[in-house]
């Protein structure tokens, strides 16, 4: 009969980490705020832009979980697009309200 072979057990040393744990990313929150900045409220776009900048800086420094980098970048870009579209819309609205009386006087 076959004898049972005993597998040697090697103790695993406790791993000591000197690095503090990484902060969780907020990529989903930033993406949602960026989309809301495009769709309805430019203030959400500003918040997404600012939070995205800060989180990307922390990811580069190694203090935040880098797995949400793509979501964070997308949210930041959506926030920028929302703010730019709001500014363009405001300028167009302002120009049209200023030029409307001028066009009425030309008739």
C-alpha atoms as a PDB file:
ATOM      1  CA  UNK A   1       0.000   0.000   0.000  1.00  0.00           C
ATOM      2  CA  UNK A   2       1.033   3.578  -0.559  1.00  0.00           C
ATOM      3  CA  UNK A   3       2.343   5.343   2.442  1.00  0.00           C
ATOM      4  CA  UNK A   4       0.908   8.739   3.205  1.00  0.00           C
ATOM      5  CA  UNK A   5       3.414  11.463   2.659  1.00  0.00           C
ATOM      6  CA  UNK A   6       3.500  14.228   5.154  1.00  0.00           C
ATOM      7  CA  UNK A   7       3.682  17.715   3.677  1.00  0.00           C
ATOM      8  CA  UNK A   8       5.915  19.980   5.688  1.00  0.00           C
ATOM      9  CA  UNK A   9       4.166  23.033   7.075  1.00  0.00           C
ATOM     10  CA  UNK A  10       6.196  26.199   6.845  1.00  0.00           C
ATOM     11  CA  UNK A  11       5.074  28.942   9.209  1.00  0.00           C
ATOM     12  CA  UNK A  12       4.201  32.197   7.501  1.00  0.00           C
ATOM     13  CA  UNK A  13       5.767  35.186   9.145  1.00  0.00           C
ATOM     14  CA  UNK A  14       3.445  38.028  10.042  1.00  0.00           C
ATOM     15  CA  UNK A  15       3.657  40.699   7.452  1.00  0.00           C
ATOM     16  CA  UNK A  16       4.374  44.076   8.932  1.00  0.00           C
ATOM     17  CA  UNK A  17       3.386  47.042   6.843  1.00  0.00           C
ATOM     18  CA  UNK A  18       4.811  50.424   7.601  1.00  0.00           C
ATOM     19  CA  UNK A  19       2.491  52.114   5.120  1.00  0.00           C
ATOM     20  CA  UNK A  20      -0.847  53.426   6.372  1.00  0.00           C
ATOM     21  CA  UNK A  21      -3.908  51.945   4.636  1.00  0.00           C
ATOM     22  CA  UNK A  22      -5.029  53.677   1.458  1.00  0.00           C
ATOM     23  CA  UNK A  23      -8.105  55.863   1.548  1.00  0.00           C
ATOM     24  CA  UNK A  24     -10.970  54.546  -0.591  1.00  0.00           C
ATOM     25  CA  UNK A  25     -11.548  56.319  -3.897  1.00  0.00           C
ATOM     26  CA  UNK A  26     -14.646  58.439  -4.594  1.00  0.00           C
ATOM     27  CA  UNK A  27     -14.744  57.832  -8.326  1.00  0.00           C
ATOM     28  CA  UNK A  28     -18.445  56.953  -8.515  1.00  0.00           C
ATOM     29  CA  UNK A  29     -19.467  60.046  -6.530  1.00  0.00           C
ATOM     30  CA  UNK A  30     -17.301  62.298  -8.702  1.00  0.00           C
ATOM     31  CA  UNK A  31     -18.675  60.742 -11.895  1.00  0.00           C
ATOM     32  CA  UNK A  32     -22.283  61.218 -10.754  1.00  0.00           C
ATOM     33  CA  UNK A  33     -21.574  64.838  -9.809  1.00  0.00           C
ATOM     34  CA  UNK A  34     -19.906  65.419 -13.187  1.00  0.00           C
ATOM     35  CA  UNK A  35     -22.888  64.015 -15.074  1.00  0.00           C
ATOM     36  CA  UNK A  36     -25.256  66.134 -12.985  1.00  0.00           C
ATOM     37  CA  UNK A  37     -23.072  69.120 -13.841  1.00  0.00           C
ATOM     38  CA  UNK A  38     -23.722  68.515 -17.528  1.00  0.00           C
ATOM     39  CA  UNK A  39     -27.416  67.708 -17.208  1.00  0.00           C
ATOM     40  CA  UNK A  40     -28.851  70.110 -14.681  1.00  0.00           C
ATOM     41  CA  UNK A  41     -26.625  72.055 -12.295  1.00  0.00           C
ATOM     42  CA  UNK A  42     -23.243  73.610 -12.982  1.00  0.00           C
ATOM     43  CA  UNK A  43     -22.467  73.725  -9.241  1.00  0.00           C
ATOM     44  CA  UNK A  44     -22.275  69.922  -9.271  1.00  0.00           C
ATOM     45  CA  UNK A  45     -19.788  70.254 -12.132  1.00  0.00           C
ATOM     46  CA  UNK A  46     -17.615  72.599 -10.094  1.00  0.00           C
ATOM     47  CA  UNK A  47     -17.686  70.193  -7.141  1.00  0.00           C
ATOM     48  CA  UNK A  48     -16.776  67.253  -9.409  1.00  0.00           C
ATOM     49  CA  UNK A  49     -13.900  69.246 -10.916  1.00  0.00           C
ATOM     50  CA  UNK A  50     -12.468  70.207  -7.526  1.00  0.00           C
ATOM     51  CA  UNK A  51     -12.923  66.763  -5.936  1.00  0.00           C
ATOM     52  CA  UNK A  52     -11.471  65.083  -9.028  1.00  0.00           C
ATOM     53  CA  UNK A  53      -8.354  67.255  -8.898  1.00  0.00           C
ATOM     54  CA  UNK A  54      -7.815  66.501  -5.224  1.00  0.00           C
ATOM     55  CA  UNK A  55      -8.409  62.776  -5.538  1.00  0.00           C
ATOM     56  CA  UNK A  56      -6.114  62.426  -8.559  1.00  0.00           C
ATOM     57  CA  UNK A  57      -3.416  64.295  -6.635  1.00  0.00           C
ATOM     58  CA  UNK A  58      -3.835  61.900  -3.692  1.00  0.00           C
ATOM     59  CA  UNK A  59      -3.729  58.877  -6.011  1.00  0.00           C
ATOM     60  CA  UNK A  60      -0.466  60.158  -7.488  1.00  0.00           C
ATOM     61  CA  UNK A  61       0.919  60.637  -3.970  1.00  0.00           C
ATOM     62  CA  UNK A  62      -0.023  57.055  -3.053  1.00  0.00           C
ATOM     63  CA  UNK A  63      -2.457  57.893  -0.237  1.00  0.00           C
ATOM     64  CA  UNK A  64      -5.672  56.962  -2.091  1.00  0.00           C
ATOM     65  CA  UNK A  65      -6.768  53.736  -3.773  1.00  0.00           C
ATOM     66  CA  UNK A  66      -5.801  54.095  -7.462  1.00  0.00           C
ATOM     67  CA  UNK A  67      -8.417  51.627  -8.770  1.00  0.00           C
ATOM     68  CA  UNK A  68     -10.917  54.471  -9.204  1.00  0.00           C
ATOM     69  CA  UNK A  69      -8.627  56.600 -11.357  1.00  0.00           C
ATOM     70  CA  UNK A  70     -10.692  56.088 -14.526  1.00  0.00           C
ATOM     71  CA  UNK A  71     -13.982  56.989 -12.859  1.00  0.00           C
ATOM     72  CA  UNK A  72     -12.378  59.999 -11.204  1.00  0.00           C
ATOM     73  CA  UNK A  73     -10.911  61.279 -14.492  1.00  0.00           C
ATOM     74  CA  UNK A  74     -14.239  60.777 -16.276  1.00  0.00           C
ATOM     75  CA  UNK A  75     -16.103  62.641 -13.535  1.00  0.00           C
ATOM     76  CA  UNK A  76     -13.601  65.485 -13.583  1.00  0.00           C
ATOM     77  CA  UNK A  77     -13.902  65.788 -17.368  1.00  0.00           C
ATOM     78  CA  UNK A  78     -17.715  65.733 -17.167  1.00  0.00           C
ATOM     79  CA  UNK A  79     -17.531  68.449 -14.514  1.00  0.00           C
ATOM     80  CA  UNK A  80     -15.324  70.602 -16.733  1.00  0.00           C
ATOM     81  CA  UNK A  81     -17.667  70.089 -19.698  1.00  0.00           C
ATOM     82  CA  UNK A  82     -20.679  71.003 -17.549  1.00  0.00           C
ATOM     83  CA  UNK A  83     -19.061  74.202 -16.296  1.00  0.00           C
ATOM     84  CA  UNK A  84     -17.936  75.239 -19.794  1.00  0.00           C
ATOM     85  CA  UNK A  85     -21.402  74.553 -21.265  1.00  0.00           C
ATOM     86  CA  UNK A  86     -23.012  76.574 -18.475  1.00  0.00           C
ATOM     87  CA  UNK A  87     -20.687  79.517 -19.085  1.00  0.00           C
ATOM     88  CA  UNK A  88     -21.320  79.386 -22.838  1.00  0.00           C
ATOM     89  CA  UNK A  89     -25.080  79.219 -22.244  1.00  0.00           C
ATOM     90  CA  UNK A  90     -24.914  82.142 -19.840  1.00  0.00           C
ATOM     91  CA  UNK A  91     -22.939  84.262 -22.328  1.00  0.00           C
ATOM     92  CA  UNK A  92     -25.334  83.407 -25.176  1.00  0.00           C
ATOM     93  CA  UNK A  93     -28.322  84.243 -22.992  1.00  0.00           C
ATOM     94  CA  UNK A  94     -26.755  87.513 -21.891  1.00  0.00           C
ATOM     95  CA  UNK A  95     -25.900  88.501 -25.465  1.00  0.00           C
ATOM     96  CA  UNK A  96     -29.362  87.626 -26.745  1.00  0.00           C
ATOM     97  CA  UNK A  97     -31.036  89.646 -23.997  1.00  0.00           C
ATOM     98  CA  UNK A  98     -28.781  92.614 -24.704  1.00  0.00           C
ATOM     99  CA  UNK A  99     -29.199  92.420 -28.471  1.00  0.00           C
ATOM    100  CA  UNK A 100     -32.968  91.781 -28.496  1.00  0.00           C
ATOM    101  CA  UNK A 101     -33.936  95.453 -27.935  1.00  0.00           C
ATOM    102  CA  UNK A 102     -31.461  96.470 -30.648  1.00  0.00           C
ATOM    103  CA  UNK A 103     -33.086  94.163 -33.181  1.00  0.00           C
ATOM    104  CA  UNK A 104     -36.538  95.527 -32.286  1.00  0.00           C
ATOM    105  CA  UNK A 105     -35.413  99.109 -32.901  1.00  0.00           C
ATOM    106  CA  UNK A 106     -34.156  98.254 -36.378  1.00  0.00           C
ATOM    107  CA  UNK A 107     -37.642  97.318 -37.608  1.00  0.00           C
END
